[in-house]
Amino acid sequence: MIYKSHDVASTATRLRLLPWSNPDGNPCYLVADASSTGFLSRVADNVEAVQLGMAGDLLDHAADLLADIKTTEPQLRFLAARLAESLHDVHRIARSRGARLPVPDDDDEAREEDPGT
């Protein structure tokens, strides 16, 4: 599913992987310009922030469960399932943010290879 932002500039558009899927489980994208601060971009930023916060909370909970010798196998299976879901979300966020990083031009790469220039 592709959403079009109202603030799209026709000359510098890009696709942003959104932090949710459509009902069929396929990825959703937003077509926006490089500096998009539209409503849907802000919603996506907020969803990502919530997902990352929940991942941090889940990691804390996992550490507590793993440290407790009374933790049962069903509890560990449930924890593993939630960790896998969270890892999926965090991986999607990383891919989305990585795709939005600027690509260095050839001059920047040459300077990194030869620091003396």
PDB file of N, CA and C in Angstrom:
ATOM      1  N   MET A   1       0.856  -1.161   0.000  1.00  0.00           N
ATOM      2  CA  MET A   1       0.000   0.000   0.000  1.00  0.00           C
ATOM      3  C   MET A   1       0.902   1.225   0.000  1.00  0.00           C
ATOM      4  N   ILE A   2       0.604   2.167  -0.873  1.00  0.00           N
ATOM      5  CA  ILE A   2       1.396   3.389  -0.973  1.00  0.00           C
ATOM      6  C   ILE A   2       0.493   4.578  -0.691  1.00  0.00           C
ATOM      7  N   TYR A   3       0.927   5.406   0.248  1.00  0.00           N
ATOM      8  CA  TYR A   3       0.226   6.637   0.576  1.00  0.00           C
ATOM      9  C   TYR A   3       0.976   7.784  -0.083  1.00  0.00           C
ATOM     10  N   LYS A   4       0.256   8.793  -0.548  1.00  0.00           N
ATOM     11  CA  LYS A   4       0.905   9.979  -1.104  1.00  0.00           C
ATOM     12  C   LYS A   4       0.713  11.138  -0.147  1.00  0.00           C
ATOM     13  N   SER A   5       1.815  11.755   0.208  1.00  0.00           N
ATOM     14  CA  SER A   5       1.773  12.916   1.092  1.00  0.00           C
ATOM     15  C   SER A   5       1.358  14.143   0.293  1.00  0.00           C
ATOM     16  N   HIS A   6       0.595  15.032   0.911  1.00  0.00           N
ATOM     17  CA  HIS A   6       0.162  16.250   0.241  1.00  0.00           C
ATOM     18  C   HIS A   6       1.301  17.227   0.026  1.00  0.00           C
ATOM     19  N   ASP A   7       2.406  17.068   0.766  1.00  0.00           N
ATOM     20  CA  ASP A   7       3.514  18.005   0.638  1.00  0.00           C
ATOM     21  C   ASP A   7       4.639  17.441  -0.228  1.00  0.00           C
ATOM     22  N   VAL A   8       4.277  16.629  -1.219  1.00  0.00           N
ATOM     23  CA  VAL A   8       5.275  16.002  -2.079  1.00  0.00           C
ATOM     24  C   VAL A   8       5.756  16.986  -3.126  1.00  0.00           C
ATOM     25  N   ALA A   9       7.059  17.117  -3.234  1.00  0.00           N
ATOM     26  CA  ALA A   9       7.657  17.913  -4.302  1.00  0.00           C
ATOM     27  C   ALA A   9       7.965  16.960  -5.450  1.00  0.00           C
ATOM     28  N   SER A  10       7.556  17.274  -6.638  1.00  0.00           N
ATOM     29  CA  SER A  10       7.680  16.349  -7.751  1.00  0.00           C
ATOM     30  C   SER A  10       9.122  16.059  -8.130  1.00  0.00           C
ATOM     31  N   THR A  11      10.070  16.889  -7.750  1.00  0.00           N
ATOM     32  CA  THR A  11      11.445  16.696  -8.182  1.00  0.00           C
ATOM     33  C   THR A  11      12.265  15.829  -7.232  1.00  0.00           C
ATOM     34  N   ALA A  12      11.935  15.741  -5.982  1.00  0.00           N
ATOM     35  CA  ALA A  12      12.762  15.002  -5.024  1.00  0.00           C
ATOM     36  C   ALA A  12      11.895  14.107  -4.153  1.00  0.00           C
ATOM     37  N   THR A  13      11.243  13.134  -4.767  1.00  0.00           N
ATOM     38  CA  THR A  13      10.391  12.244  -3.979  1.00  0.00           C
ATOM     39  C   THR A  13      11.133  10.963  -3.637  1.00  0.00           C
ATOM     40  N   ARG A  14      10.674  10.323  -2.606  1.00  0.00           N
ATOM     41  CA  ARG A  14      11.243   9.048  -2.163  1.00  0.00           C
ATOM     42  C   ARG A  14      10.141   8.254  -1.495  1.00  0.00           C
ATOM     43  N   LEU A  15      10.388   6.954  -1.331  1.00  0.00           N
ATOM     44  CA  LEU A  15       9.454   6.094  -0.618  1.00  0.00           C
ATOM     45  C   LEU A  15       9.944   5.911   0.804  1.00  0.00           C
ATOM     46  N   ARG A  16       9.044   6.040   1.748  1.00  0.00           N
ATOM     47  CA  ARG A  16       9.370   5.773   3.150  1.00  0.00           C
ATOM     48  C   ARG A  16       8.620   4.526   3.572  1.00  0.00           C
ATOM     49  N   LEU A  17       9.350   3.519   4.042  1.00  0.00           N
ATOM     50  CA  LEU A  17       8.733   2.319   4.588  1.00  0.00           C
ATOM     51  C   LEU A  17       8.068   2.697   5.906  1.00  0.00           C
ATOM     52  N   LEU A  18       6.776   2.466   5.999  1.00  0.00           N
ATOM     53  CA  LEU A  18       6.030   2.830   7.203  1.00  0.00           C
ATOM     54  C   LEU A  18       6.116   1.710   8.240  1.00  0.00           C
ATOM     55  N   PRO A  19       5.935   2.032   9.511  1.00  0.00           N
ATOM     56  CA  PRO A  19       6.103   1.029  10.580  1.00  0.00           C
ATOM     57  C   PRO A  19       4.880   0.137  10.794  1.00  0.00           C
ATOM     58  N   TRP A  20       4.084  -0.060   9.773  1.00  0.00           N
ATOM     59  CA  TRP A  20       2.946  -0.972   9.865  1.00  0.00           C
ATOM     60  C   TRP A  20       2.740  -1.635   8.510  1.00  0.00           C
ATOM     61  N   SER A  21       1.944  -2.696   8.497  1.00  0.00           N
ATOM     62  CA  SER A  21       1.641  -3.439   7.284  1.00  0.00           C
ATOM     63  C   SER A  21       0.177  -3.266   6.929  1.00  0.00           C
ATOM     64  N   ASN A  22      -0.163  -3.616   5.690  1.00  0.00           N
ATOM     65  CA  ASN A  22      -1.570  -3.599   5.312  1.00  0.00           C
ATOM     66  C   ASN A  22      -2.251  -4.858   5.853  1.00  0.00           C
ATOM     67  N   PRO A  23      -3.558  -5.001   5.720  1.00  0.00           N
ATOM     68  CA  PRO A  23      -4.247  -6.170   6.284  1.00  0.00           C
ATOM     69  C   PRO A  23      -3.729  -7.516   5.770  1.00  0.00           C
ATOM     70  N   ASP A  24      -3.112  -7.532   4.586  1.00  0.00           N
ATOM     71  CA  ASP A  24      -2.558  -8.777   4.038  1.00  0.00           C
ATOM     72  C   ASP A  24      -1.137  -9.043   4.529  1.00  0.00           C
ATOM     73  N   GLY A  25      -0.587  -8.133   5.346  1.00  0.00           N
ATOM     74  CA  GLY A  25       0.766  -8.303   5.867  1.00  0.00           C
ATOM     75  C   GLY A  25       1.854  -7.729   4.978  1.00  0.00           C
ATOM     76  N   ASN A  26       1.465  -7.050   3.911  1.00  0.00           N
ATOM     77  CA  ASN A  26       2.445  -6.447   3.007  1.00  0.00           C
ATOM     78  C   ASN A  26       2.869  -5.071   3.524  1.00  0.00           C
ATOM     79  N   PRO A  27       4.097  -4.647   3.171  1.00  0.00           N
ATOM     80  CA  PRO A  27       4.577  -3.354   3.656  1.00  0.00           C
ATOM     81  C   PRO A  27       3.780  -2.192   3.070  1.00  0.00           C
ATOM     82  N   CYS A  28       3.745  -1.109   3.814  1.00  0.00           N
ATOM     83  CA  CYS A  28       3.117   0.137   3.375  1.00  0.00           C
ATOM     84  C   CYS A  28       4.214   1.182   3.215  1.00  0.00           C
ATOM     85  N   TYR A  29       4.063   2.024   2.208  1.00  0.00           N
ATOM     86  CA  TYR A  29       5.037   3.062   1.917  1.00  0.00           C
ATOM     87  C   TYR A  29       4.349   4.406   1.815  1.00  0.00           C
ATOM     88  N   LEU A  30       5.111   5.445   2.106  1.00  0.00           N
ATOM     89  CA  LEU A  30       4.654   6.817   1.949  1.00  0.00           C
ATOM     90  C   LEU A  30       5.534   7.468   0.895  1.00  0.00           C
ATOM     91  N   VAL A  31       4.918   8.063  -0.123  1.00  0.00           N
ATOM     92  CA  VAL A  31       5.655   8.836  -1.118  1.00  0.00           C
ATOM     93  C   VAL A  31       5.724  10.264  -0.589  1.00  0.00           C
ATOM     94  N   ALA A  32       6.945  10.721  -0.340  1.00  0.00           N
ATOM     95  CA  ALA A  32       7.111  12.048   0.266  1.00  0.00           C
ATOM     96  C   ALA A  32       8.400  12.673  -0.234  1.00  0.00           C
ATOM     97  N   ASP A  33       8.549  13.969  -0.018  1.00  0.00           N
ATOM     98  CA  ASP A  33       9.812  14.612  -0.370  1.00  0.00           C
ATOM     99  C   ASP A  33      10.816  14.392   0.753  1.00  0.00           C
ATOM    100  N   ALA A  34      12.069  14.752   0.510  1.00  0.00           N
ATOM    101  CA  ALA A  34      13.156  14.464   1.447  1.00  0.00           C
ATOM    102  C   ALA A  34      12.979  15.143   2.796  1.00  0.00           C
ATOM    103  N   SER A  35      12.262  16.242   2.854  1.00  0.00           N
ATOM    104  CA  SER A  35      12.093  16.956   4.126  1.00  0.00           C
ATOM    105  C   SER A  35      10.651  16.861   4.625  1.00  0.00           C
ATOM    106  N   SER A  36       9.979  15.781   4.280  1.00  0.00           N
ATOM    107  CA  SER A  36       8.559  15.654   4.602  1.00  0.00           C
ATOM    108  C   SER A  36       8.308  15.707   6.106  1.00  0.00           C
ATOM    109  N   THR A  37       7.418  16.597   6.485  1.00  0.00           N
ATOM    110  CA  THR A  37       6.964  16.692   7.869  1.00  0.00           C
ATOM    111  C   THR A  37       5.443  16.685   7.899  1.00  0.00           C
ATOM    112  N   GLY A  38       4.862  16.005   6.916  1.00  0.00           N
ATOM    113  CA  GLY A  38       3.408  15.937   6.819  1.00  0.00           C
ATOM    114  C   GLY A  38       2.804  15.114   7.931  1.00  0.00           C
ATOM    115  N   PHE A  39       1.487  15.110   7.972  1.00  0.00           N
ATOM    116  CA  PHE A  39       0.747  14.425   9.023  1.00  0.00           C
ATOM    117  C   PHE A  39       1.112  12.947   9.098  1.00  0.00           C
ATOM    118  N   LEU A  40       1.108  12.231   7.974  1.00  0.00           N
ATOM    119  CA  LEU A  40       1.387  10.798   7.999  1.00  0.00           C
ATOM    120  C   LEU A  40       2.824  10.516   8.409  1.00  0.00           C
ATOM    121  N   SER A  41       3.755  11.383   8.027  1.00  0.00           N
ATOM    122  CA  SER A  41       5.150  11.217   8.473  1.00  0.00           C
ATOM    123  C   SER A  41       5.258  11.350   9.987  1.00  0.00           C
ATOM    124  N   ARG A  42       4.522  12.312  10.547  1.00  0.00           N
ATOM    125  CA  ARG A  42       4.541  12.488  12.009  1.00  0.00           C
ATOM    126  C   ARG A  42       3.890  11.295  12.708  1.00  0.00           C
ATOM    127  N   VAL A  43       2.805  10.764  12.145  1.00  0.00           N
ATOM    128  CA  VAL A  43       2.170   9.574  12.721  1.00  0.00           C
ATOM    129  C   VAL A  43       3.161   8.410  12.706  1.00  0.00           C
ATOM    130  N   ALA A  44       3.846   8.223  11.578  1.00  0.00           N
ATOM    131  CA  ALA A  44       4.825   7.143  11.469  1.00  0.00           C
ATOM    132  C   ALA A  44       5.955   7.332  12.478  1.00  0.00           C
ATOM    133  N   ASP A  45       6.440   8.573  12.645  1.00  0.00           N
ATOM    134  CA  ASP A  45       7.491   8.851  13.635  1.00  0.00           C
ATOM    135  C   ASP A  45       7.014   8.479  15.038  1.00  0.00           C
ATOM    136  N   ASN A  46       5.772   8.821  15.361  1.00  0.00           N
ATOM    137  CA  ASN A  46       5.217   8.497  16.687  1.00  0.00           C
ATOM    138  C   ASN A  46       5.075   6.996  16.883  1.00  0.00           C
ATOM    139  N   VAL A  47       4.614   6.278  15.857  1.00  0.00           N
ATOM    140  CA  VAL A  47       4.479   4.818  15.955  1.00  0.00           C
ATOM    141  C   VAL A  47       5.850   4.192  16.158  1.00  0.00           C
ATOM    142  N   GLU A  48       6.857   4.660  15.408  1.00  0.00           N
ATOM    143  CA  GLU A  48       8.214   4.144  15.585  1.00  0.00           C
ATOM    144  C   GLU A  48       8.712   4.383  17.010  1.00  0.00           C
ATOM    145  N   ALA A  49       8.462   5.553  17.543  1.00  0.00           N
ATOM    146  CA  ALA A  49       8.899   5.871  18.910  1.00  0.00           C
ATOM    147  C   ALA A  49       8.241   4.930  19.917  1.00  0.00           C
ATOM    148  N   VAL A  50       6.957   4.661  19.736  1.00  0.00           N
ATOM    149  CA  VAL A  50       6.247   3.736  20.632  1.00  0.00           C
ATOM    150  C   VAL A  50       6.836   2.334  20.503  1.00  0.00           C
ATOM    151  N   GLN A  51       7.054   1.888  19.264  1.00  0.00           N
ATOM    152  CA  GLN A  51       7.604   0.544  19.052  1.00  0.00           C
ATOM    153  C   GLN A  51       8.993   0.406  19.682  1.00  0.00           C
ATOM    154  N   LEU A  52       9.839   1.417  19.527  1.00  0.00           N
ATOM    155  CA  LEU A  52      11.174   1.357  20.122  1.00  0.00           C
ATOM    156  C   LEU A  52      11.108   1.384  21.644  1.00  0.00           C
ATOM    157  N   GLY A  53      10.193   2.179  22.192  1.00  0.00           N
ATOM    158  CA  GLY A  53      10.013   2.201  23.644  1.00  0.00           C
ATOM    159  C   GLY A  53       9.531   0.861  24.180  1.00  0.00           C
ATOM    160  N   MET A  54       8.600   0.251  23.466  1.00  0.00           N
ATOM    161  CA  MET A  54       8.098  -1.063  23.883  1.00  0.00           C
ATOM    162  C   MET A  54       9.199  -2.114  23.789  1.00  0.00           C
ATOM    163  N   ALA A  55      10.069  -2.008  22.786  1.00  0.00           N
ATOM    164  CA  ALA A  55      11.181  -2.949  22.654  1.00  0.00           C
ATOM    165  C   ALA A  55      12.116  -2.832  23.858  1.00  0.00           C
ATOM    166  N   GLY A  56      12.389  -1.615  24.278  1.00  0.00           N
ATOM    167  CA  GLY A  56      13.230  -1.422  25.459  1.00  0.00           C
ATOM    168  C   GLY A  56      12.604  -2.000  26.715  1.00  0.00           C
ATOM    169  N   ASP A  57      11.297  -1.777  26.886  1.00  0.00           N
ATOM    170  CA  ASP A  57      10.584  -2.346  28.035  1.00  0.00           C
ATOM    171  C   ASP A  57      10.616  -3.872  27.996  1.00  0.00           C
ATOM    172  N   LEU A  58      10.431  -4.427  26.807  1.00  0.00           N
ATOM    173  CA  LEU A  58      10.435  -5.887  26.663  1.00  0.00           C
ATOM    174  C   LEU A  58      11.804  -6.467  26.994  1.00  0.00           C
ATOM    175  N   LEU A  59      12.870  -5.776  26.594  1.00  0.00           N
ATOM    176  CA  LEU A  59      14.212  -6.242  26.940  1.00  0.00           C
ATOM    177  C   LEU A  59      14.422  -6.263  28.452  1.00  0.00           C
ATOM    178  N   ASP A  60      13.930  -5.236  29.129  1.00  0.00           N
ATOM    179  CA  ASP A  60      14.027  -5.216  30.592  1.00  0.00           C
ATOM    180  C   ASP A  60      13.260  -6.390  31.198  1.00  0.00           C
ATOM    181  N   HIS A  61      12.055  -6.640  30.688  1.00  0.00           N
ATOM    182  CA  HIS A  61      11.232  -7.745  31.183  1.00  0.00           C
ATOM    183  C   HIS A  61      11.919  -9.086  30.904  1.00  0.00           C
ATOM    184  N   ALA A  62      12.535  -9.206  29.717  1.00  0.00           N
ATOM    185  CA  ALA A  62      13.237 -10.447  29.370  1.00  0.00           C
ATOM    186  C   ALA A  62      14.387 -10.708  30.334  1.00  0.00           C
ATOM    187  N   ALA A  63      15.128  -9.673  30.670  1.00  0.00           N
ATOM    188  CA  ALA A  63      16.243  -9.839  31.612  1.00  0.00           C
ATOM    189  C   ALA A  63      15.733 -10.326  32.961  1.00  0.00           C
ATOM    190  N   ASP A  64      14.605  -9.776  33.414  1.00  0.00           N
ATOM    191  CA  ASP A  64      14.030 -10.209  34.696  1.00  0.00           C
ATOM    192  C   ASP A  64      13.576 -11.669  34.636  1.00  0.00           C
ATOM    193  N   LEU A  65      12.879 -12.042  33.558  1.00  0.00           N
ATOM    194  CA  LEU A  65      12.398 -13.418  33.442  1.00  0.00           C
ATOM    195  C   LEU A  65      13.550 -14.408  33.363  1.00  0.00           C
ATOM    196  N   LEU A  66      14.573 -14.071  32.602  1.00  0.00           N
ATOM    197  CA  LEU A  66      15.702 -14.981  32.444  1.00  0.00           C
ATOM    198  C   LEU A  66      16.517 -15.122  33.724  1.00  0.00           C
ATOM    199  N   ALA A  67      16.479 -14.116  34.570  1.00  0.00           N
ATOM    200  CA  ALA A  67      17.211 -14.179  35.836  1.00  0.00           C
ATOM    201  C   ALA A  67      16.455 -14.959  36.913  1.00  0.00           C
ATOM    202  N   ASP A  68      15.168 -15.184  36.684  1.00  0.00           N
ATOM    203  CA  ASP A  68      14.318 -15.866  37.671  1.00  0.00           C
ATOM    204  C   ASP A  68      14.311 -17.370  37.394  1.00  0.00           C
ATOM    205  N   ILE A  69      14.821 -18.155  38.331  1.00  0.00           N
ATOM    206  CA  ILE A  69      14.885 -19.604  38.122  1.00  0.00           C
ATOM    207  C   ILE A  69      13.502 -20.262  38.147  1.00  0.00           C
ATOM    208  N   LYS A  70      12.494 -19.544  38.607  1.00  0.00           N
ATOM    209  CA  LYS A  70      11.132 -20.090  38.650  1.00  0.00           C
ATOM    210  C   LYS A  70      10.345 -19.837  37.346  1.00  0.00           C
ATOM    211  N   THR A  71      10.970 -19.194  36.371  1.00  0.00           N
ATOM    212  CA  THR A  71      10.298 -18.929  35.106  1.00  0.00           C
ATOM    213  C   THR A  71       9.990 -20.254  34.416  1.00  0.00           C
ATOM    214  N   THR A  72       8.763 -20.371  33.933  1.00  0.00           N
ATOM    215  CA  THR A  72       8.314 -21.629  33.319  1.00  0.00           C
ATOM    216  C   THR A  72       8.579 -21.631  31.812  1.00  0.00           C
ATOM    217  N   GLU A  73       8.495 -22.825  31.235  1.00  0.00           N
ATOM    218  CA  GLU A  73       8.680 -22.957  29.787  1.00  0.00           C
ATOM    219  C   GLU A  73       7.620 -22.169  29.008  1.00  0.00           C
ATOM    220  N   PRO A  74       6.331 -22.239  29.391  1.00  0.00           N
ATOM    221  CA  PRO A  74       5.344 -21.421  28.658  1.00  0.00           C
ATOM    222  C   PRO A  74       5.637 -19.917  28.744  1.00  0.00           C
ATOM    223  N   GLN A  75       6.136 -19.459  29.878  1.00  0.00           N
ATOM    224  CA  GLN A  75       6.499 -18.053  30.001  1.00  0.00           C
ATOM    225  C   GLN A  75       7.635 -17.696  29.046  1.00  0.00           C
ATOM    226  N   LEU A  76       8.623 -18.600  28.936  1.00  0.00           N
ATOM    227  CA  LEU A  76       9.746 -18.352  28.035  1.00  0.00           C
ATOM    228  C   LEU A  76       9.307 -18.388  26.578  1.00  0.00           C
ATOM    229  N   ARG A  77       8.404 -19.283  26.240  1.00  0.00           N
ATOM    230  CA  ARG A  77       7.885 -19.342  24.860  1.00  0.00           C
ATOM    231  C   ARG A  77       7.124 -18.058  24.530  1.00  0.00           C
ATOM    232  N   PHE A  78       6.303 -17.598  25.471  1.00  0.00           N
ATOM    233  CA  PHE A  78       5.569 -16.349  25.263  1.00  0.00           C
ATOM    234  C   PHE A  78       6.544 -15.183  25.091  1.00  0.00           C
ATOM    235  N   LEU A  79       7.571 -15.144  25.942  1.00  0.00           N
ATOM    236  CA  LEU A  79       8.593 -14.103  25.847  1.00  0.00           C
ATOM    237  C   LEU A  79       9.291 -14.153  24.494  1.00  0.00           C
ATOM    238  N   ALA A  80       9.656 -15.342  24.044  1.00  0.00           N
ATOM    239  CA  ALA A  80      10.339 -15.477  22.753  1.00  0.00           C
ATOM    240  C   ALA A  80       9.456 -14.975  21.612  1.00  0.00           C
ATOM    241  N   ALA A  81       8.177 -15.259  21.674  1.00  0.00           N
ATOM    242  CA  ALA A  81       7.253 -14.784  20.634  1.00  0.00           C
ATOM    243  C   ALA A  81       7.176 -13.262  20.625  1.00  0.00           C
ATOM    244  N   ARG A  82       7.076 -12.649  21.808  1.00  0.00           N
ATOM    245  CA  ARG A  82       7.012 -11.188  21.879  1.00  0.00           C
ATOM    246  C   ARG A  82       8.338 -10.563  21.438  1.00  0.00           C
ATOM    247  N   LEU A  83       9.467 -11.195  21.788  1.00  0.00           N
ATOM    248  CA  LEU A  83      10.768 -10.689  21.356  1.00  0.00           C
ATOM    249  C   LEU A  83      10.893 -10.747  19.833  1.00  0.00           C
ATOM    250  N   ALA A  84      10.397 -11.824  19.222  1.00  0.00           N
ATOM    251  CA  ALA A  84      10.443 -11.943  17.765  1.00  0.00           C
ATOM    252  C   ALA A  84       9.592 -10.855  17.109  1.00  0.00           C
ATOM    253  N   GLU A  85       8.414 -10.593  17.657  1.00  0.00           N
ATOM    254  CA  GLU A  85       7.565  -9.516  17.121  1.00  0.00           C
ATOM    255  C   GLU A  85       8.260  -8.170  17.238  1.00  0.00           C
ATOM    256  N   SER A  86       8.866  -7.930  18.385  1.00  0.00           N
ATOM    257  CA  SER A  86       9.548  -6.668  18.615  1.00  0.00           C
ATOM    258  C   SER A  86      10.758  -6.520  17.697  1.00  0.00           C
ATOM    259  N   LEU A  87      11.498  -7.601  17.509  1.00  0.00           N
ATOM    260  CA  LEU A  87      12.655  -7.564  16.623  1.00  0.00           C
ATOM    261  C   LEU A  87      12.214  -7.264  15.188  1.00  0.00           C
ATOM    262  N   HIS A  88      11.090  -7.810  14.775  1.00  0.00           N
ATOM    263  CA  HIS A  88      10.537  -7.512  13.448  1.00  0.00           C
ATOM    264  C   HIS A  88      10.271  -6.011  13.311  1.00  0.00           C
ATOM    265  N   ASP A  89       9.640  -5.424  14.324  1.00  0.00           N
ATOM    266  CA  ASP A  89       9.343  -3.986  14.292  1.00  0.00           C
ATOM    267  C   ASP A  89      10.618  -3.152  14.240  1.00  0.00           C
ATOM    268  N   VAL A  90      11.577  -3.486  15.086  1.00  0.00           N
ATOM    269  CA  VAL A  90      12.828  -2.728  15.154  1.00  0.00           C
ATOM    270  C   VAL A  90      13.609  -2.879  13.850  1.00  0.00           C
ATOM    271  N   HIS A  91      13.592  -4.069  13.263  1.00  0.00           N
ATOM    272  CA  HIS A  91      14.272  -4.294  11.988  1.00  0.00           C
ATOM    273  C   HIS A  91      13.641  -3.444  10.885  1.00  0.00           C
ATOM    274  N   ARG A  92      12.305  -3.352  10.868  1.00  0.00           N
ATOM    275  CA  ARG A  92      11.621  -2.525   9.867  1.00  0.00           C
ATOM    276  C   ARG A  92      11.995  -1.047  10.059  1.00  0.00           C
ATOM    277  N   ILE A  93      12.067  -0.600  11.300  1.00  0.00           N
ATOM    278  CA  ILE A  93      12.443   0.788  11.574  1.00  0.00           C
ATOM    279  C   ILE A  93      13.871   1.047  11.084  1.00  0.00           C
ATOM    280  N   ALA A  94      14.770   0.115  11.348  1.00  0.00           N
ATOM    281  CA  ALA A  94      16.158   0.277  10.911  1.00  0.00           C
ATOM    282  C   ALA A  94      16.251   0.329   9.387  1.00  0.00           C
ATOM    283  N   ARG A  95      15.518  -0.546   8.697  1.00  0.00           N
ATOM    284  CA  ARG A  95      15.523  -0.522   7.231  1.00  0.00           C
ATOM    285  C   ARG A  95      14.959   0.791   6.710  1.00  0.00           C
ATOM    286  N   SER A  96      13.869   1.257   7.319  1.00  0.00           N
ATOM    287  CA  SER A  96      13.243   2.498   6.883  1.00  0.00           C
ATOM    288  C   SER A  96      14.180   3.678   7.075  1.00  0.00           C
ATOM    289  N   ARG A  97      14.793   3.757   8.237  1.00  0.00           N
ATOM    290  CA  ARG A  97      15.692   4.882   8.510  1.00  0.00           C
ATOM    291  C   ARG A  97      16.963   4.799   7.680  1.00  0.00           C
ATOM    292  N   GLY A  98      17.466   3.582   7.477  1.00  0.00           N
ATOM    293  CA  GLY A  98      18.661   3.410   6.646  1.00  0.00           C
ATOM    294  C   GLY A  98      18.414   3.832   5.215  1.00  0.00           C
ATOM    295  N   ALA A  99      17.226   3.549   4.705  1.00  0.00           N
ATOM    296  CA  ALA A  99      16.888   3.924   3.334  1.00  0.00           C
ATOM    297  C   ALA A  99      16.766   5.434   3.177  1.00  0.00           C
ATOM    298  N   ARG A 100      16.539   6.142   4.269  1.00  0.00           N
ATOM    299  CA  ARG A 100      16.399   7.596   4.201  1.00  0.00           C
ATOM    300  C   ARG A 100      17.707   8.336   4.422  1.00  0.00           C
ATOM    301  N   LEU A 101      18.791   7.620   4.712  1.00  0.00           N
ATOM    302  CA  LEU A 101      20.091   8.273   4.885  1.00  0.00           C
ATOM    303  C   LEU A 101      20.573   8.809   3.551  1.00  0.00           C
ATOM    304  N   PRO A 102      21.212   9.964   3.559  1.00  0.00           N
ATOM    305  CA  PRO A 102      21.732  10.502   2.301  1.00  0.00           C
ATOM    306  C   PRO A 102      22.865   9.627   1.773  1.00  0.00           C
ATOM    307  N   VAL A 103      22.914   9.488   0.466  1.00  0.00           N
ATOM    308  CA  VAL A 103      23.982   8.728  -0.177  1.00  0.00           C
ATOM    309  C   VAL A 103      25.131   9.686  -0.448  1.00  0.00           C
ATOM    310  N   PRO A 104      26.340   9.346   0.029  1.00  0.00           N
ATOM    311  CA  PRO A 104      27.466  10.258  -0.198  1.00  0.00           C
ATOM    312  C   PRO A 104      27.818  10.291  -1.686  1.00  0.00           C
ATOM    313  N   ASP A 105      28.275  11.458  -2.144  1.00  0.00           N
ATOM    314  CA  ASP A 105      28.704  11.528  -3.540  1.00  0.00           C
ATOM    315  C   ASP A 105      30.112  10.958  -3.660  1.00  0.00           C
ATOM    316  N   ASP A 106      30.599  10.775  -4.870  1.00  0.00           N
ATOM    317  CA  ASP A 106      31.896  10.144  -5.103  1.00  0.00           C
ATOM    318  C   ASP A 106      33.043  10.894  -4.454  1.00  0.00           C
ATOM    319  N   ASP A 107      32.962  12.225  -4.356  1.00  0.00           N
ATOM    320  CA  ASP A 107      34.033  13.011  -3.744  1.00  0.00           C
ATOM    321  C   ASP A 107      34.192  12.673  -2.267  1.00  0.00           C
ATOM    322  N   ASP A 108      33.053  12.461  -1.554  1.00  0.00           N
ATOM    323  CA  ASP A 108      33.117  12.112  -0.137  1.00  0.00           C
ATOM    324  C   ASP A 108      33.769  10.750   0.052  1.00  0.00           C
ATOM    325  N   GLU A 109      33.463   9.797  -0.832  1.00  0.00           N
ATOM    326  CA  GLU A 109      34.051   8.458  -0.723  1.00  0.00           C
ATOM    327  C   GLU A 109      35.554   8.513  -0.975  1.00  0.00           C
ATOM    328  N   ALA A 110      35.989   9.306  -1.947  1.00  0.00           N
ATOM    329  CA  ALA A 110      37.418   9.416  -2.259  1.00  0.00           C
ATOM    330  C   ALA A 110      38.178  10.001  -1.082  1.00  0.00           C
ATOM    331  N   ARG A 111      37.595  11.004  -0.404  1.00  0.00           N
ATOM    332  CA  ARG A 111      38.269  11.598   0.764  1.00  0.00           C
ATOM    333  C   ARG A 111      38.369  10.608   1.910  1.00  0.00           C
ATOM    334  N   GLU A 112      37.360   9.737   2.080  1.00  0.00           N
ATOM    335  CA  GLU A 112      37.427   8.750   3.152  1.00  0.00           C
ATOM    336  C   GLU A 112      38.510   7.719   2.879  1.00  0.00           C
ATOM    337  N   GLU A 113      38.707   7.359   1.606  1.00  0.00           N
ATOM    338  CA  GLU A 113      39.733   6.372   1.249  1.00  0.00           C
ATOM    339  C   GLU A 113      41.129   6.960   1.384  1.00  0.00           C
ATOM    340  N   ASP A 114      41.295   8.247   1.099  1.00  0.00           N
ATOM    341  CA  ASP A 114      42.602   8.900   1.152  1.00  0.00           C
ATOM    342  C   ASP A 114      42.504  10.107   2.083  1.00  0.00           C
ATOM    343  N   PRO A 115      42.703   9.879   3.407  1.00  0.00           N
ATOM    344  CA  PRO A 115      42.525  10.979   4.366  1.00  0.00           C
ATOM    345  C   PRO A 115      43.513  12.123   4.172  1.00  0.00           C
ATOM    346  N   GLY A 116      44.557  11.954   3.363  1.00  0.00           N
ATOM    347  CA  GLY A 116      45.544  12.997   3.154  1.00  0.00           C
ATOM    348  C   GLY A 116      45.076  14.080   2.201  1.00  0.00           C
ATOM    349  N   THR A 117      43.924  13.885   1.554  1.00  0.00           N
ATOM    350  CA  THR A 117      43.440  14.898   0.612  1.00  0.00           C
ATOM    351  C   THR A 117      42.548  15.893   1.265  1.00  0.00           C
TER     352      THR A 117
END
